[in-house]
Structures are given as structure tokens and as C-alpha cells.
């Protein structure tokens, strides 16, 4: 948001550089955080402990293939993938609906990104533009981070997949954010 608002890049880089030692000590000094990093780097080596959920995620994606096993036919959610209805719902979709189902989910998030950017560009004022961009970034970045975690591209963070994962608070906040985005869209259409 600061970048979009026009803060100079050298200030942002300075802030980032100053925060690196803090981030390093927050990860290295706390055992479970370091365990997440090592499990992320080699989940198969820790497949029976901290890498278990990521390995089961890989198995769910792989067993789904292109078309999937069918809605409700996946077995990873029943016995192997812990808490599959929360952060790791995308592998369940991948197992049951396959690559096609995951592609549809990805397309829907791309649609939200496109619609949000279009709304921001048509917003009646600068505040509406920044608010719309912020909402879109909040939803799409969270989705990208969740997808990165379940596919092994990012270390585990505990973020839900917006509008899909189980959790009332996440759904409520995301729905309210989309309501605000629709309001900005409506105001932009009036002008």
C-alpha cells in the first residue's frame, strides 16, 4: 500500500533492510518457526513430523490428476490430511476435482484481481482507489500465499484460502471487504 501510495522506493528498501535482523532472530530463536522452515525446505525428510501435512498435500494433488476422483470421493481429507477443511482445503479440491478444479479456483481469484483493479481505476476519488487496491491485495495476496504453502512454494503460515476455507471470521471479513469494493464500484459508476 505504501508503494502504491507513492512512498519513495529507497525508504521502503531501508525499512526492509532494517527489519531483516529482526525477522532473522524471530525465526531462529523460536523453535517451532525454525521447524516450519526446515520442514518447508525438505518435507520428505520430516514426513512423519513437521513435514507430514505438506507431504499429504502433495499426495492429494498428485492423486487427483487432471480430472480428479470426483466430488466427495477423496480419501486424504478423511484419514491423512489433518484439518483439511481449514488451511489445506486446496489439496482436497485438487484430489476431488483435479487440475481442472484447481484451475477454476485460480481463475476465480484472477477475476477478483481484475475486477478490483478495474474498480480502483474507476473510483471517484484517490481514497476510493487506494481502498479498492488495498482490498484486492488483501484478498488475492492471501490466496496466493495459501496456494504457495499447499504447493510447497512458501513455508507454512496458517492463512486461510479466502471464501473457501472453513472459518467464520475470515469469511465475514472477506465478505465485508467485497461489500466495500462493490460500494466503490457503484460510486464510480455514478460519476
Protein backbone atom coordinates (compact mmCIF):
# COMPACT_ATOMS: atom_id res chain seq x y z
CA UNK A 1 0.00 0.00 0.00
CA UNK A 2 2.84 2.36 0.76
CA UNK A 3 4.35 1.66 -2.67
CA UNK A 4 1.02 2.29 -4.38
CA UNK A 5 0.51 5.49 -2.35
CA UNK A 6 3.81 6.81 -3.71
CA UNK A 7 6.35 6.39 -0.91
CA UNK A 8 9.87 6.55 -2.30
CA UNK A 9 11.45 3.20 -3.01
CA UNK A 10 14.60 3.98 -1.03
CA UNK A 11 12.53 4.46 2.13
CA UNK A 12 10.81 1.12 1.58
CA UNK A 13 14.14 -0.62 0.92
CA UNK A 14 15.61 0.97 4.03
CA UNK A 15 12.67 -0.23 6.11
CA UNK A 16 13.01 -3.71 4.63
CA UNK A 17 16.78 -3.83 5.30
CA UNK A 18 16.30 -2.64 8.87
CA UNK A 19 13.70 -5.34 9.53
CA UNK A 20 15.84 -8.25 8.25
CA UNK A 21 17.78 -8.77 11.53
CA UNK A 22 14.51 -8.74 13.49
CA UNK A 23 12.95 -11.28 11.15
CA UNK A 24 16.06 -13.46 11.36
CA UNK A 25 16.01 -13.55 15.16
CA UNK A 26 12.25 -14.12 15.25
CA UNK A 27 12.72 -17.23 13.12
CA UNK A 28 15.97 -18.63 14.53
CA UNK A 29 15.25 -18.04 18.24
CA UNK A 30 11.81 -19.70 18.23
CA UNK A 31 11.96 -23.46 17.75
CA UNK A 32 8.62 -24.10 16.08
CA UNK A 33 9.24 -21.37 13.49
CA UNK A 34 12.60 -22.86 12.60
CA UNK A 35 10.92 -26.28 12.43
CA UNK A 36 8.48 -24.90 9.87
CA UNK A 37 11.34 -23.58 7.76
CA UNK A 38 13.26 -26.87 7.84
CA UNK A 39 10.08 -28.82 7.06
CA UNK A 40 9.44 -26.47 4.15
CA UNK A 41 12.97 -26.94 2.80
CA UNK A 42 12.79 -30.75 2.93
CA UNK A 43 9.30 -32.04 3.80
CA UNK A 44 10.11 -35.62 2.78
CA UNK A 45 12.90 -35.79 5.39
CA UNK A 46 10.40 -34.82 8.11
CA UNK A 47 7.40 -36.60 6.61
CA UNK A 48 6.47 -38.22 9.92
CA UNK A 49 6.58 -34.99 11.97
CA UNK A 50 6.55 -31.35 10.87
CA UNK A 51 6.51 -32.12 7.13
CA UNK A 52 3.57 -34.53 7.36
CA UNK A 53 0.86 -32.10 6.27
CA UNK A 54 2.82 -30.81 3.28
CA UNK A 55 3.67 -34.33 2.10
CA UNK A 56 0.00 -35.32 2.36
CA UNK A 57 -0.86 -32.20 0.40
CA UNK A 58 1.47 -33.30 -2.40
CA UNK A 59 -0.11 -36.76 -2.38
CA UNK A 60 -3.62 -35.26 -2.59
CA UNK A 61 -2.69 -33.09 -5.57
CA UNK A 62 -0.94 -35.96 -7.30
CA UNK A 63 -3.72 -38.47 -6.78
CA UNK A 64 -6.29 -36.06 -8.24
CA UNK A 65 -4.70 -35.96 -11.67
CA UNK A 66 -6.31 -33.84 -14.35
CA UNK A 67 -10.00 -34.56 -13.69
CA UNK A 68 -9.94 -35.65 -10.04
CA UNK A 69 -11.53 -38.58 -8.28
CA UNK A 70 -14.96 -36.99 -8.11
CA UNK A 71 -16.68 -34.71 -5.65
CA UNK A 72 -16.67 -36.35 -2.21
CA UNK A 73 -14.50 -39.27 -3.35
CA UNK A 74 -11.17 -38.03 -1.95
CA UNK A 75 -9.60 -40.00 0.90
CA UNK A 76 -6.84 -37.62 2.02
CA UNK A 77 -9.34 -35.47 3.94
CA UNK A 78 -10.63 -38.47 5.86
CA UNK A 79 -7.52 -40.10 7.25
CA UNK A 80 -4.32 -38.38 6.22
CA UNK A 81 -4.50 -34.60 5.72
CA UNK A 82 -5.04 -33.06 9.18
CA UNK A 83 -7.56 -30.21 9.40
CA UNK A 84 -8.14 -30.38 5.65
CA UNK A 85 -11.14 -28.05 5.84
CA UNK A 86 -9.03 -25.08 7.01
CA UNK A 87 -5.66 -24.03 5.54
CA UNK A 88 -5.23 -27.10 3.34
CA UNK A 89 -8.57 -27.12 1.52
CA UNK A 90 -6.99 -26.61 -1.91
CA UNK A 91 -5.34 -30.08 -1.93
CA UNK A 92 -8.77 -31.57 -1.21
CA UNK A 93 -10.13 -29.66 -4.20
CA UNK A 94 -7.14 -30.90 -6.20
CA UNK A 95 -7.79 -34.51 -5.22
CA UNK A 96 -11.53 -34.42 -5.84
CA UNK A 97 -11.77 -32.05 -8.81
CA UNK A 98 -8.24 -32.41 -10.17
CA UNK A 99 -6.20 -29.87 -12.07
CA UNK A 100 -9.37 -28.57 -13.70
CA UNK A 101 -10.96 -27.73 -10.33
CA UNK A 102 -7.81 -26.02 -9.03
CA UNK A 103 -7.59 -24.06 -12.30
CA UNK A 104 -11.17 -22.86 -11.82
CA UNK A 105 -10.36 -21.68 -8.28
CA UNK A 106 -7.27 -19.88 -9.60
CA UNK A 107 -9.33 -18.30 -12.38
CA UNK A 108 -11.87 -17.01 -9.83
CA UNK A 109 -9.12 -15.28 -7.85
CA UNK A 110 -7.75 -13.79 -11.06
CA UNK A 111 -11.27 -12.50 -11.78
CA UNK A 112 -11.38 -10.87 -8.33
CA UNK A 113 -8.00 -9.27 -9.07
CA UNK A 114 -9.18 -7.97 -12.45
CA UNK A 115 -12.48 -6.67 -11.08
CA UNK A 116 -10.74 -4.99 -8.15
CA UNK A 117 -8.18 -3.25 -10.34
CA UNK A 118 -10.94 -2.12 -12.71
CA UNK A 119 -12.89 -0.78 -9.72
CA UNK A 120 -9.81 1.03 -8.41
CA UNK A 121 -9.20 2.67 -11.77
CA UNK A 122 -12.82 3.86 -11.98
CA UNK A 123 -13.05 5.02 -8.35
CA UNK A 124 -14.37 8.56 -7.94
CA UNK A 125 -11.50 9.74 -5.71
CA UNK A 126 -7.98 8.86 -4.59
CA UNK A 127 -9.18 7.37 -1.29
CA UNK A 128 -11.51 5.02 -3.15
CA UNK A 129 -8.68 3.99 -5.46
CA UNK A 130 -6.34 3.20 -2.58
CA UNK A 131 -9.07 1.42 -0.63
CA UNK A 132 -10.03 -0.74 -3.61
CA UNK A 133 -6.40 -1.67 -4.30
CA UNK A 134 -5.89 -2.47 -0.61
CA UNK A 135 -8.91 -4.76 -0.51
CA UNK A 136 -7.87 -6.58 -3.67
CA UNK A 137 -4.32 -7.00 -2.41
CA UNK A 138 -5.65 -8.31 0.93
CA UNK A 139 -7.79 -11.00 -0.71
CA UNK A 140 -5.59 -12.02 -3.63
CA UNK A 141 -2.28 -11.95 -1.74
CA UNK A 142 -3.79 -14.16 0.99
CA UNK A 143 -5.00 -16.58 -1.69
CA UNK A 144 -1.58 -16.61 -3.39
CA UNK A 145 0.17 -17.22 -0.06
CA UNK A 146 -2.19 -20.07 0.82
CA UNK A 147 -1.72 -21.65 -2.60
CA UNK A 148 2.04 -21.23 -2.26
CA UNK A 149 2.01 -23.01 1.11
CA UNK A 150 -0.06 -26.01 -0.01
CA UNK A 151 2.05 -26.47 -3.13
CA UNK A 152 5.34 -26.22 -1.22
CA UNK A 153 6.45 -22.90 -2.71
CA UNK A 154 6.21 -20.99 0.61
CA UNK A 155 6.71 -22.02 4.24
CA UNK A 156 3.52 -22.69 6.26
CA UNK A 157 1.84 -19.58 7.61
CA UNK A 158 -1.63 -20.58 8.78
CA UNK A 159 -3.56 -18.40 6.32
CA UNK A 160 -6.96 -19.49 5.08
CA UNK A 161 -7.98 -19.61 1.43
CA UNK A 162 -10.42 -16.66 1.13
CA UNK A 163 -14.09 -17.61 0.66
CA UNK A 164 -13.28 -21.35 0.59
CA UNK A 165 -11.58 -22.40 3.86
CA UNK A 166 -13.64 -23.10 6.94
CA UNK A 167 -13.74 -20.20 9.36
CA UNK A 168 -16.44 -17.69 10.11
CA UNK A 169 -14.20 -14.72 10.89
CA UNK A 170 -12.26 -15.00 7.65
CA UNK A 171 -15.45 -15.30 5.61
CA UNK A 172 -17.05 -12.37 7.44
CA UNK A 173 -14.06 -10.04 6.90
CA UNK A 174 -13.64 -11.03 3.26
CA UNK A 175 -17.36 -10.59 2.58
CA UNK A 176 -17.38 -7.16 4.23
CA UNK A 177 -14.32 -6.19 2.17
CA UNK A 178 -16.05 -7.24 -1.06
CA UNK A 179 -19.12 -5.27 0.02
CA UNK A 180 -16.95 -2.16 0.38
CA UNK A 181 -15.39 -2.91 -3.01
CA UNK A 182 -18.87 -3.13 -4.57
CA UNK A 183 -19.77 0.19 -2.96
CA UNK A 184 -16.68 1.81 -4.52
CA UNK A 185 -17.67 0.27 -7.86
CA UNK A 186 -21.19 1.71 -7.55
CA UNK A 187 -19.90 5.18 -6.67
CA UNK A 188 -17.52 5.04 -9.63
CA UNK A 189 -20.38 4.15 -11.98
CA UNK A 190 -22.43 7.14 -10.75
CA UNK A 191 -19.77 9.66 -11.81
